[in-house]
Protein backbone atom coordinates (compact mmCIF):
# COMPACT_ATOMS: atom_id res chain seq x y z
CA UNK A 1 0.00 0.00 0.00
CA UNK A 2 1.45 3.39 -0.93
CA UNK A 3 2.50 5.73 1.86
CA UNK A 4 -0.17 8.35 1.24
CA UNK A 5 -2.95 5.76 1.26
CA UNK A 6 -1.68 4.33 4.56
CA UNK A 7 -1.79 7.79 6.10
CA UNK A 8 -5.33 8.42 4.83
CA UNK A 9 -6.47 5.09 6.20
CA UNK A 10 -4.98 5.89 9.60
CA UNK A 11 -6.69 9.30 9.65
CA UNK A 12 -10.03 7.63 8.92
CA UNK A 13 -9.50 4.89 11.50
CA UNK A 14 -8.65 7.45 14.18
CA UNK A 15 -11.63 9.64 13.16
CA UNK A 16 -9.31 12.65 13.04
CA UNK A 17 -11.57 14.59 10.65
CA UNK A 18 -14.87 13.38 12.03
CA UNK A 19 -17.49 12.16 9.58
CA UNK A 20 -16.13 12.42 6.02
CA UNK A 21 -18.47 14.25 3.63
CA UNK A 22 -16.41 15.03 0.51
CA UNK A 23 -13.29 13.46 -1.03
CA UNK A 24 -11.17 14.07 -4.14
CA UNK A 25 -8.46 11.69 -5.38
CA UNK A 26 -6.51 12.84 -8.44
CA UNK A 27 -3.81 11.45 -10.69
CA UNK A 28 -2.82 14.43 -12.81
CA UNK A 29 0.24 15.31 -14.87
CA UNK A 30 1.26 17.47 -17.80
CA UNK A 31 2.20 15.30 -20.77
CA UNK A 32 0.34 16.28 -23.97
CA UNK A 33 2.61 14.14 -26.18
CA UNK A 34 1.61 10.64 -27.20
CA UNK A 35 3.42 7.75 -25.59
CA UNK A 36 6.45 6.32 -27.42
CA UNK A 37 4.91 2.93 -26.62
CA UNK A 38 2.51 2.92 -29.55
CA UNK A 39 0.34 0.16 -28.13
CA UNK A 40 -0.61 2.51 -25.28
CA UNK A 41 -2.35 4.81 -27.77
CA UNK A 42 -4.40 2.12 -29.53
CA UNK A 43 -8.10 1.64 -28.99
CA UNK A 44 -8.13 -1.90 -27.65
CA UNK A 45 -9.35 -3.83 -24.62
CA UNK A 46 -7.84 -2.46 -21.43
CA UNK A 47 -6.35 0.66 -23.04
CA UNK A 48 -6.81 4.25 -21.93
CA UNK A 49 -6.20 6.23 -18.78
CA UNK A 50 -9.32 4.87 -17.07
CA UNK A 51 -7.98 1.31 -17.17
CA UNK A 52 -4.37 2.40 -16.55
CA UNK A 53 -4.26 5.10 -13.87
CA UNK A 54 -7.96 4.86 -13.08
CA UNK A 55 -7.71 1.32 -11.79
CA UNK A 56 -5.26 2.49 -9.10
CA UNK A 57 -7.26 5.38 -7.68
CA UNK A 58 -10.53 3.46 -7.97
CA UNK A 59 -8.94 0.71 -5.91
CA UNK A 60 -7.73 3.30 -3.38
CA UNK A 61 -11.24 4.72 -3.05
CA UNK A 62 -12.65 1.24 -2.49
CA UNK A 63 -10.00 0.47 0.15
CA UNK A 64 -10.86 3.66 2.03
CA UNK A 65 -14.64 3.84 1.60
CA UNK A 66 -15.97 0.57 0.25
CA UNK A 67 -18.25 0.04 -2.74
CA UNK A 68 -20.45 3.01 -3.77
CA UNK A 69 -24.18 2.92 -4.50
CA UNK A 70 -24.09 4.93 -7.74
CA UNK A 71 -21.61 6.41 -10.21
CA UNK A 72 -21.51 9.22 -12.75
CA UNK A 73 -18.58 9.59 -15.16
CA UNK A 74 -17.32 11.91 -17.89
CA UNK A 75 -14.63 10.38 -20.14
CA UNK A 76 -12.83 12.44 -22.79
CA UNK A 77 -10.04 12.48 -25.39
CA UNK A 78 -8.06 15.74 -25.30
CA UNK A 79 -4.67 14.93 -26.86
CA UNK A 80 -4.47 15.14 -30.64
CA UNK A 81 -4.22 11.91 -32.67
CA UNK A 82 -4.80 9.57 -29.76
CA UNK A 83 -7.30 6.72 -29.98
CA UNK A 84 -7.76 6.34 -26.23
CA UNK A 85 -9.52 8.19 -23.48
CA UNK A 86 -6.99 10.39 -21.68
CA UNK A 87 -9.25 12.16 -19.19
CA UNK A 88 -11.86 11.10 -16.69
CA UNK A 89 -13.95 12.71 -14.00
CA UNK A 90 -15.82 10.13 -11.92
CA UNK A 91 -18.22 10.81 -9.06
CA UNK A 92 -18.87 7.93 -6.67
CA UNK A 93 -22.03 8.28 -4.61
CA UNK A 94 -22.26 6.96 -1.04
CA UNK A 95 -25.18 7.43 1.35
CA UNK A 96 -23.17 9.84 3.52
CA UNK A 97 -20.45 11.24 1.21
CA UNK A 98 -19.29 11.91 -2.35
CA UNK A 99 -15.92 10.77 -3.71
CA UNK A 100 -14.55 12.35 -6.92
CA UNK A 101 -11.79 10.68 -8.97
CA UNK A 102 -9.95 12.58 -11.72
CA UNK A 103 -7.09 12.09 -14.17
CA UNK A 104 -5.74 14.29 -16.94
CA UNK A 105 -2.60 14.84 -19.02
CA UNK A 106 -3.11 18.62 -19.04
CA UNK A 107 -2.34 19.65 -15.47
CA UNK A 108 0.63 22.01 -15.70
CA UNK A 109 -0.01 23.06 -12.11
CA UNK A 110 -1.22 20.02 -10.20
CA UNK A 111 -3.64 20.13 -7.29
CA UNK A 112 -3.39 17.98 -4.15
CA UNK A 113 -3.77 14.32 -5.04
CA UNK A 114 -5.82 13.64 -1.92
CA UNK A 115 -8.37 15.97 -0.36
CA UNK A 116 -10.40 14.63 2.55
CA UNK A 117 -13.07 16.97 3.94
CA UNK A 118 -14.71 16.01 7.22
CA UNK A 119 -17.04 17.68 9.67
CA UNK A 120 -14.08 18.41 11.96
CA UNK A 121 -11.41 19.35 9.43
CA UNK A 122 -9.48 18.68 6.23
CA UNK A 123 -6.46 16.70 5.04
CA UNK A 124 -4.60 17.65 1.83
CA UNK A 125 -1.66 15.80 0.32
CA UNK A 126 0.26 16.04 -2.94
CA UNK A 127 1.07 12.77 -4.72
CA UNK A 128 4.63 12.00 -3.66
CA UNK A 129 5.16 8.27 -3.32
CA UNK A 130 8.93 8.17 -3.82
CA UNK A 131 9.31 4.48 -4.56
CA UNK A 132 8.85 4.65 -8.33
CA UNK A 133 11.30 7.54 -8.66
CA UNK A 134 13.84 5.69 -6.52
CA UNK A 135 13.53 2.59 -8.68
CA UNK A 136 14.10 4.66 -11.83
CA UNK A 137 17.29 6.00 -10.24
CA UNK A 138 18.53 2.45 -9.68
CA UNK A 139 18.03 2.32 -5.92
CA UNK A 140 17.43 -1.09 -4.36
CA UNK A 141 14.38 -1.60 -2.11
CA UNK A 142 15.05 -2.45 1.51
CA UNK A 143 13.08 -2.86 4.72
CA UNK A 144 14.54 0.10 6.66
CA UNK A 145 14.27 3.53 5.03
CA UNK A 146 12.68 2.59 1.70
CA UNK A 147 9.64 4.66 0.72
CA UNK A 148 10.53 7.58 3.01
CA UNK A 149 9.29 10.94 1.74
CA UNK A 150 11.19 14.19 2.06
CA UNK A 151 10.28 16.84 4.60
CA UNK A 152 8.77 19.16 1.95
CA UNK A 153 6.37 16.41 0.86
CA UNK A 154 4.32 16.40 4.05
CA UNK A 155 0.54 16.71 3.96
CA UNK A 156 -1.58 19.42 5.57
CA UNK A 157 -3.92 18.53 8.43
CA UNK A 158 -6.29 21.31 9.50
CA UNK A 159 -8.77 20.53 12.28
CA UNK A 160 -10.48 22.31 15.15
CA UNK A 161 -7.22 21.78 17.08
CA UNK A 162 -5.19 23.79 14.57
CA UNK A 163 -3.23 23.45 11.32
CA UNK A 164 -0.07 21.38 10.98
CA UNK A 165 2.08 19.44 8.55
CA UNK A 166 1.90 15.68 8.79
CA UNK A 167 4.25 13.14 7.26
CA UNK A 168 3.16 10.10 5.31
CA UNK A 169 3.73 6.64 6.64
CA UNK A 170 6.38 4.50 4.94
CA UNK A 171 5.41 2.86 1.67
CA UNK A 172 7.02 -0.44 0.68
CA UNK A 173 6.21 -2.50 -2.40
CA UNK A 174 8.11 -5.39 -0.80
CA UNK A 175 5.30 -5.91 1.70
CA UNK A 176 2.99 -7.13 -1.06
CA UNK A 177 5.52 -9.61 -2.45
CA UNK A 178 6.42 -10.86 1.04
CA UNK A 179 2.74 -11.52 1.79
CA UNK A 180 2.32 -13.18 -1.60
CA UNK A 181 5.32 -15.42 -0.88
CA UNK A 182 3.85 -16.32 2.51
CA UNK A 183 0.47 -17.14 0.97
CA UNK A 184 2.11 -19.51 -1.53
CA UNK A 185 4.64 -21.18 0.77
CA UNK A 186 2.51 -21.36 3.91
CA UNK A 187 -0.89 -21.65 2.23
CA UNK A 188 -2.08 -18.40 3.82
CA UNK A 189 -4.73 -16.04 2.35
CA UNK A 190 -3.53 -13.97 -0.61
CA UNK A 191 -2.79 -10.27 0.19
CA UNK A 192 -5.28 -9.06 -2.44
CA UNK A 193 -8.44 -11.06 -3.03
CA UNK A 194 -9.52 -11.56 -6.67
CA UNK A 195 -12.91 -10.10 -5.73
CA UNK A 196 -11.20 -6.75 -5.12
CA UNK A 197 -10.02 -6.67 -8.74
CA UNK A 198 -13.51 -7.59 -9.92
CA UNK A 199 -15.01 -4.71 -7.92
CA UNK A 200 -12.58 -2.27 -9.58
CA UNK A 201 -13.56 -3.62 -13.01
CA UNK A 202 -17.24 -3.16 -12.15
CA UNK A 203 -16.57 0.53 -11.42
CA UNK A 204 -14.64 0.96 -14.69
CA UNK A 205 -17.38 -0.67 -16.77
CA UNK A 206 -20.06 1.40 -14.99
CA UNK A 207 -18.02 4.57 -15.68
CA UNK A 208 -17.88 3.74 -19.38
CA UNK A 209 -21.63 3.13 -19.46
CA UNK A 210 -22.34 6.35 -17.56
CA UNK A 211 -20.20 8.45 -19.90
CA UNK A 212 -21.55 6.88 -23.10
CA UNK A 213 -25.21 7.14 -22.09
CA UNK A 214 -24.93 10.37 -20.04
CA UNK A 215 -26.61 8.76 -17.03
CA UNK A 216 -26.07 7.99 -13.35
CA UNK A 217 -25.50 4.23 -13.03
CA UNK A 218 -26.84 2.43 -9.97
CA UNK A 219 -24.48 -0.29 -8.78
C-alpha atoms as a PDB file:
ATOM      1  CA  UNK A   1       0.000   0.000   0.000  1.00  0.00           C
ATOM      2  CA  UNK A   2       1.454   3.395  -0.933  1.00  0.00           C
ATOM      3  CA  UNK A   3       2.503   5.725   1.861  1.00  0.00           C
ATOM      4  CA  UNK A   4      -0.172   8.347   1.241  1.00  0.00           C
ATOM      5  CA  UNK A   5      -2.947   5.756   1.265  1.00  0.00           C
ATOM      6  CA  UNK A   6      -1.682   4.328   4.557  1.00  0.00           C
ATOM      7  CA  UNK A   7      -1.789   7.791   6.096  1.00  0.00           C
ATOM      8  CA  UNK A   8      -5.333   8.424   4.827  1.00  0.00           C
ATOM      9  CA  UNK A   9      -6.471   5.086   6.196  1.00  0.00           C
ATOM     10  CA  UNK A  10      -4.984   5.887   9.605  1.00  0.00           C
ATOM     11  CA  UNK A  11      -6.688   9.299   9.654  1.00  0.00           C
ATOM     12  CA  UNK A  12     -10.033   7.627   8.923  1.00  0.00           C
ATOM     13  CA  UNK A  13      -9.498   4.885  11.503  1.00  0.00           C
ATOM     14  CA  UNK A  14      -8.654   7.455  14.178  1.00  0.00           C
ATOM     15  CA  UNK A  15     -11.635   9.638  13.158  1.00  0.00           C
ATOM     16  CA  UNK A  16      -9.314  12.650  13.037  1.00  0.00           C
ATOM     17  CA  UNK A  17     -11.572  14.592  10.654  1.00  0.00           C
ATOM     18  CA  UNK A  18     -14.866  13.375  12.033  1.00  0.00           C
ATOM     19  CA  UNK A  19     -17.488  12.158   9.577  1.00  0.00           C
ATOM     20  CA  UNK A  20     -16.131  12.416   6.019  1.00  0.00           C
ATOM     21  CA  UNK A  21     -18.467  14.246   3.625  1.00  0.00           C
ATOM     22  CA  UNK A  22     -16.414  15.030   0.507  1.00  0.00           C
ATOM     23  CA  UNK A  23     -13.292  13.464  -1.029  1.00  0.00           C
ATOM     24  CA  UNK A  24     -11.168  14.067  -4.136  1.00  0.00           C
ATOM     25  CA  UNK A  25      -8.464  11.695  -5.378  1.00  0.00           C
ATOM     26  CA  UNK A  26      -6.511  12.839  -8.440  1.00  0.00           C
ATOM     27  CA  UNK A  27      -3.806  11.445 -10.689  1.00  0.00           C
ATOM     28  CA  UNK A  28      -2.816  14.429 -12.809  1.00  0.00           C
ATOM     29  CA  UNK A  29       0.238  15.312 -14.871  1.00  0.00           C
ATOM     30  CA  UNK A  30       1.265  17.466 -17.804  1.00  0.00           C
ATOM     31  CA  UNK A  31       2.197  15.296 -20.770  1.00  0.00           C
ATOM     32  CA  UNK A  32       0.341  16.281 -23.969  1.00  0.00           C
ATOM     33  CA  UNK A  33       2.607  14.145 -26.184  1.00  0.00           C
ATOM     34  CA  UNK A  34       1.612  10.642 -27.202  1.00  0.00           C
ATOM     35  CA  UNK A  35       3.418   7.746 -25.589  1.00  0.00           C
ATOM     36  CA  UNK A  36       6.446   6.324 -27.422  1.00  0.00           C
ATOM     37  CA  UNK A  37       4.910   2.935 -26.623  1.00  0.00           C
ATOM     38  CA  UNK A  38       2.512   2.924 -29.550  1.00  0.00           C
ATOM     39  CA  UNK A  39       0.339   0.163 -28.127  1.00  0.00           C
ATOM     40  CA  UNK A  40      -0.612   2.507 -25.284  1.00  0.00           C
ATOM     41  CA  UNK A  41      -2.351   4.812 -27.767  1.00  0.00           C
ATOM     42  CA  UNK A  42      -4.398   2.116 -29.534  1.00  0.00           C
ATOM     43  CA  UNK A  43      -8.102   1.643 -28.987  1.00  0.00           C
ATOM     44  CA  UNK A  44      -8.131  -1.900 -27.652  1.00  0.00           C
ATOM     45  CA  UNK A  45      -9.354  -3.833 -24.616  1.00  0.00           C
ATOM     46  CA  UNK A  46      -7.842  -2.461 -21.431  1.00  0.00           C
ATOM     47  CA  UNK A  47      -6.350   0.664 -23.035  1.00  0.00           C
ATOM     48  CA  UNK A  48      -6.815   4.250 -21.934  1.00  0.00           C
ATOM     49  CA  UNK A  49      -6.196   6.232 -18.780  1.00  0.00           C
ATOM     50  CA  UNK A  50      -9.319   4.869 -17.072  1.00  0.00           C
ATOM     51  CA  UNK A  51      -7.979   1.310 -17.168  1.00  0.00           C
ATOM     52  CA  UNK A  52      -4.374   2.395 -16.552  1.00  0.00           C
ATOM     53  CA  UNK A  53      -4.261   5.099 -13.872  1.00  0.00           C
ATOM     54  CA  UNK A  54      -7.957   4.862 -13.082  1.00  0.00           C
ATOM     55  CA  UNK A  55      -7.706   1.318 -11.792  1.00  0.00           C
ATOM     56  CA  UNK A  56      -5.257   2.494  -9.103  1.00  0.00           C
ATOM     57  CA  UNK A  57      -7.258   5.382  -7.682  1.00  0.00           C
ATOM     58  CA  UNK A  58     -10.531   3.464  -7.969  1.00  0.00           C
ATOM     59  CA  UNK A  59      -8.937   0.708  -5.910  1.00  0.00           C
ATOM     60  CA  UNK A  60      -7.727   3.298  -3.377  1.00  0.00           C
ATOM     61  CA  UNK A  61     -11.240   4.721  -3.050  1.00  0.00           C
ATOM     62  CA  UNK A  62     -12.652   1.235  -2.487  1.00  0.00           C
ATOM     63  CA  UNK A  63      -9.997   0.470   0.146  1.00  0.00           C
ATOM     64  CA  UNK A  64     -10.862   3.658   2.031  1.00  0.00           C
ATOM     65  CA  UNK A  65     -14.638   3.845   1.604  1.00  0.00           C
ATOM     66  CA  UNK A  66     -15.969   0.568   0.245  1.00  0.00           C
ATOM     67  CA  UNK A  67     -18.246   0.042  -2.744  1.00  0.00           C
ATOM     68  CA  UNK A  68     -20.452   3.014  -3.769  1.00  0.00           C
ATOM     69  CA  UNK A  69     -24.177   2.924  -4.495  1.00  0.00           C
ATOM     70  CA  UNK A  70     -24.092   4.935  -7.739  1.00  0.00           C
ATOM     71  CA  UNK A  71     -21.614   6.408 -10.207  1.00  0.00           C
ATOM     72  CA  UNK A  72     -21.505   9.224 -12.749  1.00  0.00           C
ATOM     73  CA  UNK A  73     -18.576   9.591 -15.159  1.00  0.00           C
ATOM     74  CA  UNK A  74     -17.317  11.908 -17.886  1.00  0.00           C
ATOM     75  CA  UNK A  75     -14.632  10.379 -20.141  1.00  0.00           C
ATOM     76  CA  UNK A  76     -12.826  12.441 -22.794  1.00  0.00           C
ATOM     77  CA  UNK A  77     -10.040  12.484 -25.390  1.00  0.00           C
ATOM     78  CA  UNK A  78      -8.063  15.742 -25.301  1.00  0.00           C
ATOM     79  CA  UNK A  79      -4.675  14.926 -26.862  1.00  0.00           C
ATOM     80  CA  UNK A  80      -4.467  15.136 -30.640  1.00  0.00           C
ATOM     81  CA  UNK A  81      -4.219  11.910 -32.669  1.00  0.00           C
ATOM     82  CA  UNK A  82      -4.802   9.570 -29.755  1.00  0.00           C
ATOM     83  CA  UNK A  83      -7.295   6.717 -29.984  1.00  0.00           C
ATOM     84  CA  UNK A  84      -7.758   6.340 -26.235  1.00  0.00           C
ATOM     85  CA  UNK A  85      -9.524   8.190 -23.476  1.00  0.00           C
ATOM     86  CA  UNK A  86      -6.990  10.389 -21.684  1.00  0.00           C
ATOM     87  CA  UNK A  87      -9.250  12.165 -19.190  1.00  0.00           C
ATOM     88  CA  UNK A  88     -11.863  11.104 -16.692  1.00  0.00           C
ATOM     89  CA  UNK A  89     -13.955  12.708 -13.998  1.00  0.00           C
ATOM     90  CA  UNK A  90     -15.821  10.134 -11.916  1.00  0.00           C
ATOM     91  CA  UNK A  91     -18.216  10.808  -9.057  1.00  0.00           C
ATOM     92  CA  UNK A  92     -18.867   7.933  -6.666  1.00  0.00           C
ATOM     93  CA  UNK A  93     -22.033   8.278  -4.608  1.00  0.00           C
ATOM     94  CA  UNK A  94     -22.263   6.961  -1.041  1.00  0.00           C
ATOM     95  CA  UNK A  95     -25.183   7.432   1.350  1.00  0.00           C
ATOM     96  CA  UNK A  96     -23.167   9.837   3.516  1.00  0.00           C
ATOM     97  CA  UNK A  97     -20.452  11.240   1.210  1.00  0.00           C
ATOM     98  CA  UNK A  98     -19.289  11.914  -2.347  1.00  0.00           C
ATOM     99  CA  UNK A  99     -15.916  10.767  -3.710  1.00  0.00           C
ATOM    100  CA  UNK A 100     -14.547  12.350  -6.918  1.00  0.00           C
ATOM    101  CA  UNK A 101     -11.789  10.682  -8.966  1.00  0.00           C
ATOM    102  CA  UNK A 102      -9.947  12.584 -11.716  1.00  0.00           C
ATOM    103  CA  UNK A 103      -7.088  12.085 -14.166  1.00  0.00           C
ATOM    104  CA  UNK A 104      -5.738  14.286 -16.945  1.00  0.00           C
ATOM    105  CA  UNK A 105      -2.604  14.836 -19.024  1.00  0.00           C
ATOM    106  CA  UNK A 106      -3.115  18.622 -19.037  1.00  0.00           C
ATOM    107  CA  UNK A 107      -2.339  19.648 -15.468  1.00  0.00           C
ATOM    108  CA  UNK A 108       0.630  22.007 -15.700  1.00  0.00           C
ATOM    109  CA  UNK A 109      -0.012  23.062 -12.106  1.00  0.00           C
ATOM    110  CA  UNK A 110      -1.216  20.016 -10.202  1.00  0.00           C
ATOM    111  CA  UNK A 111      -3.638  20.125  -7.287  1.00  0.00           C
ATOM    112  CA  UNK A 112      -3.391  17.981  -4.149  1.00  0.00           C
ATOM    113  CA  UNK A 113      -3.770  14.318  -5.036  1.00  0.00           C
ATOM    114  CA  UNK A 114      -5.824  13.637  -1.920  1.00  0.00           C
ATOM    115  CA  UNK A 115      -8.369  15.972  -0.357  1.00  0.00           C
ATOM    116  CA  UNK A 116     -10.401  14.633   2.551  1.00  0.00           C
ATOM    117  CA  UNK A 117     -13.065  16.974   3.936  1.00  0.00           C
ATOM    118  CA  UNK A 118     -14.708  16.010   7.222  1.00  0.00           C
ATOM    119  CA  UNK A 119     -17.045  17.681   9.673  1.00  0.00           C
ATOM    120  CA  UNK A 120     -14.083  18.411  11.962  1.00  0.00           C
ATOM    121  CA  UNK A 121     -11.409  19.351   9.433  1.00  0.00           C
ATOM    122  CA  UNK A 122      -9.484  18.676   6.233  1.00  0.00           C
ATOM    123  CA  UNK A 123      -6.465  16.703   5.037  1.00  0.00           C
ATOM    124  CA  UNK A 124      -4.601  17.651   1.833  1.00  0.00           C
ATOM    125  CA  UNK A 125      -1.662  15.800   0.319  1.00  0.00           C
ATOM    126  CA  UNK A 126       0.257  16.038  -2.941  1.00  0.00           C
ATOM    127  CA  UNK A 127       1.070  12.768  -4.716  1.00  0.00           C
ATOM    128  CA  UNK A 128       4.629  12.005  -3.663  1.00  0.00           C
ATOM    129  CA  UNK A 129       5.157   8.267  -3.321  1.00  0.00           C
ATOM    130  CA  UNK A 130       8.925   8.170  -3.819  1.00  0.00           C
ATOM    131  CA  UNK A 131       9.308   4.476  -4.559  1.00  0.00           C
ATOM    132  CA  UNK A 132       8.845   4.649  -8.327  1.00  0.00           C
ATOM    133  CA  UNK A 133      11.296   7.543  -8.659  1.00  0.00           C
ATOM    134  CA  UNK A 134      13.844   5.693  -6.522  1.00  0.00           C
ATOM    135  CA  UNK A 135      13.535   2.590  -8.679  1.00  0.00           C
ATOM    136  CA  UNK A 136      14.096   4.662 -11.826  1.00  0.00           C
ATOM    137  CA  UNK A 137      17.285   5.996 -10.239  1.00  0.00           C
ATOM    138  CA  UNK A 138      18.533   2.454  -9.679  1.00  0.00           C
ATOM    139  CA  UNK A 139      18.032   2.323  -5.922  1.00  0.00           C
ATOM    140  CA  UNK A 140      17.427  -1.090  -4.357  1.00  0.00           C
ATOM    141  CA  UNK A 141      14.377  -1.601  -2.108  1.00  0.00           C
ATOM    142  CA  UNK A 142      15.046  -2.451   1.513  1.00  0.00           C
ATOM    143  CA  UNK A 143      13.080  -2.860   4.723  1.00  0.00           C
ATOM    144  CA  UNK A 144      14.541   0.102   6.658  1.00  0.00           C
ATOM    145  CA  UNK A 145      14.266   3.531   5.029  1.00  0.00           C
ATOM    146  CA  UNK A 146      12.677   2.586   1.703  1.00  0.00           C
ATOM    147  CA  UNK A 147       9.641   4.658   0.725  1.00  0.00           C
ATOM    148  CA  UNK A 148      10.531   7.576   3.011  1.00  0.00           C
ATOM    149  CA  UNK A 149       9.286  10.935   1.739  1.00  0.00           C
ATOM    150  CA  UNK A 150      11.194  14.189   2.057  1.00  0.00           C
ATOM    151  CA  UNK A 151      10.283  16.840   4.604  1.00  0.00           C
ATOM    152  CA  UNK A 152       8.768  19.163   1.953  1.00  0.00           C
ATOM    153  CA  UNK A 153       6.372  16.414   0.858  1.00  0.00           C
ATOM    154  CA  UNK A 154       4.317  16.398   4.047  1.00  0.00           C
ATOM    155  CA  UNK A 155       0.545  16.705   3.961  1.00  0.00           C
ATOM    156  CA  UNK A 156      -1.582  19.421   5.573  1.00  0.00           C
ATOM    157  CA  UNK A 157      -3.918  18.528   8.430  1.00  0.00           C
ATOM    158  CA  UNK A 158      -6.292  21.306   9.503  1.00  0.00           C
ATOM    159  CA  UNK A 159      -8.774  20.528  12.278  1.00  0.00           C
ATOM    160  CA  UNK A 160     -10.475  22.312  15.149  1.00  0.00           C
ATOM    161  CA  UNK A 161      -7.221  21.783  17.085  1.00  0.00           C
ATOM    162  CA  UNK A 162      -5.187  23.795  14.566  1.00  0.00           C
ATOM    163  CA  UNK A 163      -3.229  23.453  11.321  1.00  0.00           C
ATOM    164  CA  UNK A 164      -0.068  21.379  10.981  1.00  0.00           C
ATOM    165  CA  UNK A 165       2.077  19.441   8.549  1.00  0.00           C
ATOM    166  CA  UNK A 166       1.895  15.679   8.791  1.00  0.00           C
ATOM    167  CA  UNK A 167       4.248  13.138   7.262  1.00  0.00           C
ATOM    168  CA  UNK A 168       3.155  10.097   5.312  1.00  0.00           C
ATOM    169  CA  UNK A 169       3.734   6.636   6.644  1.00  0.00           C
ATOM    170  CA  UNK A 170       6.378   4.503   4.938  1.00  0.00           C
ATOM    171  CA  UNK A 171       5.413   2.856   1.669  1.00  0.00           C
ATOM    172  CA  UNK A 172       7.019  -0.436   0.680  1.00  0.00           C
ATOM    173  CA  UNK A 173       6.213  -2.500  -2.402  1.00  0.00           C
ATOM    174  CA  UNK A 174       8.109  -5.391  -0.801  1.00  0.00           C
ATOM    175  CA  UNK A 175       5.298  -5.912   1.704  1.00  0.00           C
ATOM    176  CA  UNK A 176       2.994  -7.129  -1.061  1.00  0.00           C
ATOM    177  CA  UNK A 177       5.522  -9.611  -2.448  1.00  0.00           C
ATOM    178  CA  UNK A 178       6.418 -10.858   1.042  1.00  0.00           C
ATOM    179  CA  UNK A 179       2.744 -11.519   1.795  1.00  0.00           C
ATOM    180  CA  UNK A 180       2.317 -13.184  -1.596  1.00  0.00           C
ATOM    181  CA  UNK A 181       5.322 -15.421  -0.880  1.00  0.00           C
ATOM    182  CA  UNK A 182       3.852 -16.322   2.507  1.00  0.00           C
ATOM    183  CA  UNK A 183       0.471 -17.143   0.971  1.00  0.00           C
ATOM    184  CA  UNK A 184       2.112 -19.514  -1.532  1.00  0.00           C
ATOM    185  CA  UNK A 185       4.642 -21.178   0.766  1.00  0.00           C
ATOM    186  CA  UNK A 186       2.514 -21.364   3.913  1.00  0.00           C
ATOM    187  CA  UNK A 187      -0.891 -21.651   2.226  1.00  0.00           C
ATOM    188  CA  UNK A 188      -2.081 -18.398   3.824  1.00  0.00           C
ATOM    189  CA  UNK A 189      -4.726 -16.043   2.352  1.00  0.00           C
ATOM    190  CA  UNK A 190      -3.534 -13.967  -0.608  1.00  0.00           C
ATOM    191  CA  UNK A 191      -2.793 -10.275   0.190  1.00  0.00           C
ATOM    192  CA  UNK A 192      -5.283  -9.064  -2.443  1.00  0.00           C
ATOM    193  CA  UNK A 193      -8.436 -11.065  -3.033  1.00  0.00           C
ATOM    194  CA  UNK A 194      -9.523 -11.560  -6.671  1.00  0.00           C
ATOM    195  CA  UNK A 195     -12.909 -10.103  -5.729  1.00  0.00           C
ATOM    196  CA  UNK A 196     -11.199  -6.750  -5.115  1.00  0.00           C
ATOM    197  CA  UNK A 197     -10.016  -6.673  -8.735  1.00  0.00           C
ATOM    198  CA  UNK A 198     -13.505  -7.586  -9.915  1.00  0.00           C
ATOM    199  CA  UNK A 199     -15.007  -4.705  -7.924  1.00  0.00           C
ATOM    200  CA  UNK A 200     -12.583  -2.273  -9.575  1.00  0.00           C
ATOM    201  CA  UNK A 201     -13.558  -3.621 -13.011  1.00  0.00           C
ATOM    202  CA  UNK A 202     -17.236  -3.156 -12.152  1.00  0.00           C
ATOM    203  CA  UNK A 203     -16.565   0.529 -11.421  1.00  0.00           C
ATOM    204  CA  UNK A 204     -14.637   0.960 -14.690  1.00  0.00           C
ATOM    205  CA  UNK A 205     -17.380  -0.666 -16.772  1.00  0.00           C
ATOM    206  CA  UNK A 206     -20.059   1.400 -14.995  1.00  0.00           C
ATOM    207  CA  UNK A 207     -18.022   4.574 -15.676  1.00  0.00           C
ATOM    208  CA  UNK A 208     -17.880   3.740 -19.383  1.00  0.00           C
ATOM    209  CA  UNK A 209     -21.634   3.133 -19.460  1.00  0.00           C
ATOM    210  CA  UNK A 210     -22.339   6.354 -17.556  1.00  0.00           C
ATOM    211  CA  UNK A 211     -20.202   8.449 -19.899  1.00  0.00           C
ATOM    212  CA  UNK A 212     -21.546   6.877 -23.098  1.00  0.00           C
ATOM    213  CA  UNK A 213     -25.208   7.138 -22.095  1.00  0.00           C
ATOM    214  CA  UNK A 214     -24.928  10.365 -20.044  1.00  0.00           C
ATOM    215  CA  UNK A 215     -26.610   8.759 -17.032  1.00  0.00           C
ATOM    216  CA  UNK A 216     -26.071   7.988 -13.351  1.00  0.00           C
ATOM    217  CA  UNK A 217     -25.504   4.234 -13.028  1.00  0.00           C
ATOM    218  CA  UNK A 218     -26.837   2.427  -9.973  1.00  0.00           C
ATOM    219  CA  UNK A 219     -24.479  -0.287  -8.776  1.00  0.00           C
END
